[in-house]
Amino acid sequence: MTTAAPMSSEERARSIRTRLERHLAPIRLEIRDDGAKHVGHAGAREGGHFHVDIVSEEFRGRSLLERHRLVYQALGELVGTQIHALAVTAHTPEEITA
């Protein structure tokens, strides 16, 4: 089993952005690095802690669970290698203007 070389926090955020933009075409995407809140946590050495706030048409008609699955699918192997923990806020465009 091979493990991916560790990335910097900035590289992780760029990889997250690239994959989510490619797969979910968000109209808004904010990525926050929460790593500083987890210094000393054993898992923090293995990957970053991030919060993703994403608005996409792809979420229309989908449950919260389905939206989260789409995000995790888009991120692929980053989850568990470069991302240790991920919080997701996922909305349709209508949900943010209501």
N, C-alpha and C. Protein backbone atom coordinates (compact mmCIF):
# COMPACT_ATOMS: atom_id res chain seq x y z
N MET A 1 0.84 -1.17 0.00
CA MET A 1 0.00 0.00 0.00
C MET A 1 0.88 1.24 0.00
N THR A 2 0.62 2.16 -0.93
CA THR A 2 1.39 3.38 -0.98
C THR A 2 0.56 4.51 -0.41
N THR A 3 1.23 5.44 0.23
CA THR A 3 0.53 6.60 0.76
C THR A 3 0.99 7.82 -0.01
N ALA A 4 0.09 8.77 -0.15
CA ALA A 4 0.41 10.00 -0.88
C ALA A 4 1.37 10.84 -0.06
N ALA A 5 2.25 11.54 -0.76
CA ALA A 5 3.16 12.45 -0.07
C ALA A 5 2.34 13.55 0.58
N PRO A 6 2.73 13.99 1.77
CA PRO A 6 1.96 15.03 2.44
C PRO A 6 1.99 16.34 1.63
N MET A 7 0.87 17.02 1.65
CA MET A 7 0.74 18.32 0.98
C MET A 7 0.72 19.40 2.05
N SER A 8 1.04 20.60 1.64
CA SER A 8 0.86 21.74 2.54
C SER A 8 -0.63 22.05 2.62
N SER A 9 -1.01 22.83 3.59
CA SER A 9 -2.41 23.21 3.73
C SER A 9 -2.92 23.93 2.48
N GLU A 10 -2.08 24.79 1.92
CA GLU A 10 -2.47 25.53 0.72
C GLU A 10 -2.67 24.58 -0.47
N GLU A 11 -1.79 23.60 -0.59
CA GLU A 11 -1.93 22.62 -1.68
C GLU A 11 -3.20 21.79 -1.50
N ARG A 12 -3.50 21.42 -0.26
CA ARG A 12 -4.74 20.67 0.01
C ARG A 12 -5.95 21.50 -0.39
N ALA A 13 -5.97 22.76 0.01
CA ALA A 13 -7.11 23.63 -0.32
C ALA A 13 -7.25 23.79 -1.83
N ARG A 14 -6.13 23.94 -2.53
CA ARG A 14 -6.19 24.05 -4.00
C ARG A 14 -6.73 22.77 -4.63
N SER A 15 -6.31 21.62 -4.12
CA SER A 15 -6.80 20.34 -4.64
C SER A 15 -8.30 20.19 -4.38
N ILE A 16 -8.74 20.59 -3.20
CA ILE A 16 -10.17 20.55 -2.88
C ILE A 16 -10.94 21.42 -3.86
N ARG A 17 -10.48 22.66 -4.04
CA ARG A 17 -11.16 23.60 -4.93
C ARG A 17 -11.22 23.04 -6.36
N THR A 18 -10.11 22.56 -6.87
CA THR A 18 -10.05 22.05 -8.24
C THR A 18 -11.05 20.92 -8.45
N ARG A 19 -11.07 19.98 -7.53
CA ARG A 19 -11.97 18.82 -7.70
C ARG A 19 -13.43 19.22 -7.59
N LEU A 20 -13.76 20.07 -6.62
CA LEU A 20 -15.16 20.47 -6.46
C LEU A 20 -15.62 21.31 -7.65
N GLU A 21 -14.76 22.18 -8.15
CA GLU A 21 -15.13 22.97 -9.32
C GLU A 21 -15.34 22.08 -10.53
N ARG A 22 -14.50 21.09 -10.71
CA ARG A 22 -14.60 20.18 -11.86
C ARG A 22 -15.87 19.34 -11.79
N HIS A 23 -16.21 18.82 -10.63
CA HIS A 23 -17.31 17.86 -10.51
C HIS A 23 -18.66 18.48 -10.18
N LEU A 24 -18.66 19.61 -9.47
CA LEU A 24 -19.94 20.15 -9.00
C LEU A 24 -20.24 21.55 -9.51
N ALA A 25 -19.35 22.16 -10.26
CA ALA A 25 -19.55 23.49 -10.85
C ALA A 25 -20.24 24.45 -9.88
N PRO A 26 -19.64 24.70 -8.73
CA PRO A 26 -20.30 25.55 -7.74
C PRO A 26 -20.41 27.00 -8.20
N ILE A 27 -21.49 27.66 -7.76
CA ILE A 27 -21.61 29.10 -8.02
C ILE A 27 -20.98 29.87 -6.85
N ARG A 28 -20.81 29.19 -5.74
CA ARG A 28 -20.06 29.75 -4.61
C ARG A 28 -19.32 28.61 -3.94
N LEU A 29 -18.07 28.86 -3.59
CA LEU A 29 -17.27 27.84 -2.92
C LEU A 29 -16.31 28.52 -1.96
N GLU A 30 -16.45 28.23 -0.70
CA GLU A 30 -15.53 28.74 0.31
C GLU A 30 -14.91 27.54 1.02
N ILE A 31 -13.61 27.59 1.15
CA ILE A 31 -12.87 26.51 1.81
C ILE A 31 -12.11 27.13 2.97
N ARG A 32 -12.36 26.62 4.15
CA ARG A 32 -11.69 27.13 5.35
C ARG A 32 -10.81 26.04 5.94
N ASP A 33 -9.59 26.38 6.21
CA ASP A 33 -8.65 25.47 6.85
C ASP A 33 -8.83 25.60 8.36
N ASP A 34 -9.34 24.55 8.98
CA ASP A 34 -9.55 24.54 10.43
C ASP A 34 -8.42 23.83 11.17
N GLY A 35 -7.31 23.60 10.50
CA GLY A 35 -6.20 22.86 11.08
C GLY A 35 -5.68 23.43 12.37
N ALA A 36 -5.66 24.76 12.50
CA ALA A 36 -5.13 25.38 13.71
C ALA A 36 -5.94 25.00 14.95
N LYS A 37 -7.20 24.66 14.76
CA LYS A 37 -8.06 24.25 15.88
C LYS A 37 -7.73 22.84 16.36
N HIS A 38 -6.93 22.11 15.58
CA HIS A 38 -6.69 20.69 15.87
C HIS A 38 -5.21 20.36 16.08
N VAL A 39 -4.41 21.37 16.36
CA VAL A 39 -2.98 21.14 16.61
C VAL A 39 -2.85 20.18 17.78
N GLY A 40 -2.01 19.17 17.60
CA GLY A 40 -1.81 18.17 18.65
C GLY A 40 -2.71 16.97 18.52
N HIS A 41 -3.77 17.08 17.74
CA HIS A 41 -4.68 15.96 17.50
C HIS A 41 -3.94 14.94 16.63
N ALA A 42 -3.98 13.70 17.02
CA ALA A 42 -3.21 12.66 16.32
C ALA A 42 -3.48 12.64 14.82
N GLY A 43 -4.72 12.77 14.42
CA GLY A 43 -5.06 12.71 13.00
C GLY A 43 -4.58 13.91 12.21
N ALA A 44 -4.29 15.00 12.89
CA ALA A 44 -3.86 16.22 12.20
C ALA A 44 -2.55 16.01 11.47
N ARG A 45 -1.75 15.07 11.91
CA ARG A 45 -0.48 14.78 11.22
C ARG A 45 -0.72 14.08 9.89
N GLU A 46 -1.84 13.42 9.74
CA GLU A 46 -2.11 12.60 8.56
C GLU A 46 -2.89 13.33 7.48
N GLY A 47 -3.42 14.49 7.79
CA GLY A 47 -4.20 15.23 6.82
C GLY A 47 -4.83 16.44 7.47
N GLY A 48 -5.37 17.31 6.63
CA GLY A 48 -5.92 18.55 7.12
C GLY A 48 -7.36 18.44 7.61
N HIS A 49 -7.76 19.47 8.32
CA HIS A 49 -9.13 19.65 8.78
C HIS A 49 -9.70 20.84 8.02
N PHE A 50 -10.76 20.62 7.26
CA PHE A 50 -11.32 21.67 6.43
C PHE A 50 -12.83 21.77 6.59
N HIS A 51 -13.34 22.97 6.28
CA HIS A 51 -14.77 23.20 6.18
C HIS A 51 -15.03 23.72 4.77
N VAL A 52 -15.98 23.11 4.09
CA VAL A 52 -16.35 23.51 2.73
C VAL A 52 -17.79 24.03 2.77
N ASP A 53 -17.96 25.25 2.28
CA ASP A 53 -19.28 25.84 2.12
C ASP A 53 -19.48 25.96 0.60
N ILE A 54 -20.43 25.19 0.07
CA ILE A 54 -20.58 25.08 -1.38
C ILE A 54 -22.03 25.27 -1.79
N VAL A 55 -22.23 26.01 -2.86
CA VAL A 55 -23.55 26.23 -3.44
C VAL A 55 -23.48 25.74 -4.88
N SER A 56 -24.37 24.81 -5.23
CA SER A 56 -24.33 24.22 -6.57
C SER A 56 -25.71 23.79 -7.03
N GLU A 57 -25.95 23.94 -8.32
CA GLU A 57 -27.18 23.43 -8.93
C GLU A 57 -27.26 21.91 -8.81
N GLU A 58 -26.12 21.26 -8.70
CA GLU A 58 -26.07 19.80 -8.60
C GLU A 58 -26.81 19.27 -7.36
N PHE A 59 -27.04 20.13 -6.39
CA PHE A 59 -27.70 19.69 -5.16
C PHE A 59 -29.23 19.76 -5.24
N ARG A 60 -29.73 20.35 -6.31
CA ARG A 60 -31.19 20.50 -6.45
C ARG A 60 -31.88 19.14 -6.39
N GLY A 61 -32.89 19.04 -5.52
CA GLY A 61 -33.68 17.82 -5.39
C GLY A 61 -32.98 16.70 -4.63
N ARG A 62 -31.84 17.00 -4.03
CA ARG A 62 -31.09 15.96 -3.31
C ARG A 62 -31.14 16.22 -1.80
N SER A 63 -31.15 15.13 -1.06
CA SER A 63 -31.14 15.23 0.39
C SER A 63 -29.78 15.71 0.88
N LEU A 64 -29.70 16.09 2.12
CA LEU A 64 -28.43 16.51 2.71
C LEU A 64 -27.39 15.40 2.61
N LEU A 65 -27.79 14.17 2.89
CA LEU A 65 -26.88 13.04 2.79
C LEU A 65 -26.36 12.86 1.36
N GLU A 66 -27.26 12.97 0.38
CA GLU A 66 -26.83 12.84 -1.01
C GLU A 66 -25.86 13.95 -1.42
N ARG A 67 -26.08 15.15 -0.93
CA ARG A 67 -25.19 16.27 -1.22
C ARG A 67 -23.79 16.00 -0.67
N HIS A 68 -23.76 15.54 0.57
CA HIS A 68 -22.46 15.23 1.19
C HIS A 68 -21.75 14.11 0.44
N ARG A 69 -22.51 13.13 0.00
CA ARG A 69 -21.90 12.04 -0.79
C ARG A 69 -21.30 12.56 -2.08
N LEU A 70 -21.98 13.49 -2.73
CA LEU A 70 -21.45 14.08 -3.97
C LEU A 70 -20.12 14.80 -3.70
N VAL A 71 -20.06 15.53 -2.60
CA VAL A 71 -18.83 16.23 -2.25
C VAL A 71 -17.71 15.22 -2.00
N TYR A 72 -17.99 14.20 -1.19
CA TYR A 72 -16.97 13.19 -0.90
C TYR A 72 -16.54 12.44 -2.15
N GLN A 73 -17.48 12.14 -3.04
CA GLN A 73 -17.12 11.47 -4.30
C GLN A 73 -16.22 12.35 -5.14
N ALA A 74 -16.52 13.64 -5.19
CA ALA A 74 -15.70 14.56 -5.97
C ALA A 74 -14.28 14.64 -5.42
N LEU A 75 -14.14 14.55 -4.12
CA LEU A 75 -12.82 14.65 -3.50
C LEU A 75 -12.02 13.35 -3.58
N GLY A 76 -12.72 12.24 -3.79
CA GLY A 76 -12.04 10.96 -4.00
C GLY A 76 -11.05 10.59 -2.92
N GLU A 77 -9.87 10.18 -3.36
CA GLU A 77 -8.85 9.66 -2.44
C GLU A 77 -8.24 10.73 -1.55
N LEU A 78 -8.52 12.01 -1.81
CA LEU A 78 -8.02 13.05 -0.90
C LEU A 78 -8.55 12.82 0.52
N VAL A 79 -9.81 12.34 0.58
CA VAL A 79 -10.40 12.04 1.89
C VAL A 79 -9.72 10.78 2.41
N GLY A 80 -9.11 10.90 3.54
CA GLY A 80 -8.42 9.77 4.14
C GLY A 80 -6.93 9.76 3.87
N THR A 81 -6.48 10.59 2.91
CA THR A 81 -5.04 10.69 2.69
C THR A 81 -4.58 12.11 3.00
N GLN A 82 -5.15 13.09 2.31
CA GLN A 82 -4.77 14.49 2.52
C GLN A 82 -5.77 15.26 3.38
N ILE A 83 -6.96 14.71 3.51
CA ILE A 83 -8.00 15.34 4.33
C ILE A 83 -8.34 14.38 5.46
N HIS A 84 -8.10 14.81 6.68
CA HIS A 84 -8.41 13.97 7.84
C HIS A 84 -9.86 14.19 8.28
N ALA A 85 -10.31 15.44 8.27
CA ALA A 85 -11.67 15.76 8.69
C ALA A 85 -12.24 16.82 7.76
N LEU A 86 -13.52 16.66 7.44
CA LEU A 86 -14.18 17.58 6.52
C LEU A 86 -15.59 17.88 7.00
N ALA A 87 -15.88 19.14 7.18
CA ALA A 87 -17.24 19.60 7.47
C ALA A 87 -17.78 20.19 6.18
N VAL A 88 -19.03 19.90 5.88
CA VAL A 88 -19.62 20.34 4.61
C VAL A 88 -20.92 21.07 4.87
N THR A 89 -21.05 22.24 4.27
CA THR A 89 -22.32 22.95 4.20
C THR A 89 -22.65 23.04 2.71
N ALA A 90 -23.76 22.42 2.29
CA ALA A 90 -24.09 22.32 0.87
C ALA A 90 -25.51 22.81 0.62
N HIS A 91 -25.62 23.79 -0.29
CA HIS A 91 -26.92 24.40 -0.58
C HIS A 91 -27.16 24.51 -2.07
N THR A 92 -28.43 24.66 -2.44
CA THR A 92 -28.79 25.05 -3.80
C THR A 92 -28.79 26.58 -3.83
N PRO A 93 -28.75 27.19 -5.01
CA PRO A 93 -28.78 28.66 -5.07
C PRO A 93 -30.02 29.26 -4.40
N GLU A 94 -31.14 28.60 -4.54
CA GLU A 94 -32.38 29.12 -3.94
C GLU A 94 -32.31 29.14 -2.42
N GLU A 95 -31.63 28.20 -1.85
CA GLU A 95 -31.54 28.10 -0.39
C GLU A 95 -30.73 29.25 0.21
N ILE A 96 -29.82 29.81 -0.54
CA ILE A 96 -29.02 30.91 0.02
C ILE A 96 -29.66 32.27 -0.21
N THR A 97 -30.65 32.33 -1.12
CA THR A 97 -31.31 33.60 -1.38
C THR A 97 -32.65 33.70 -0.66
N ALA A 98 -33.09 32.59 -0.09
CA ALA A 98 -34.40 32.58 0.58
C ALA A 98 -34.34 33.27 1.92
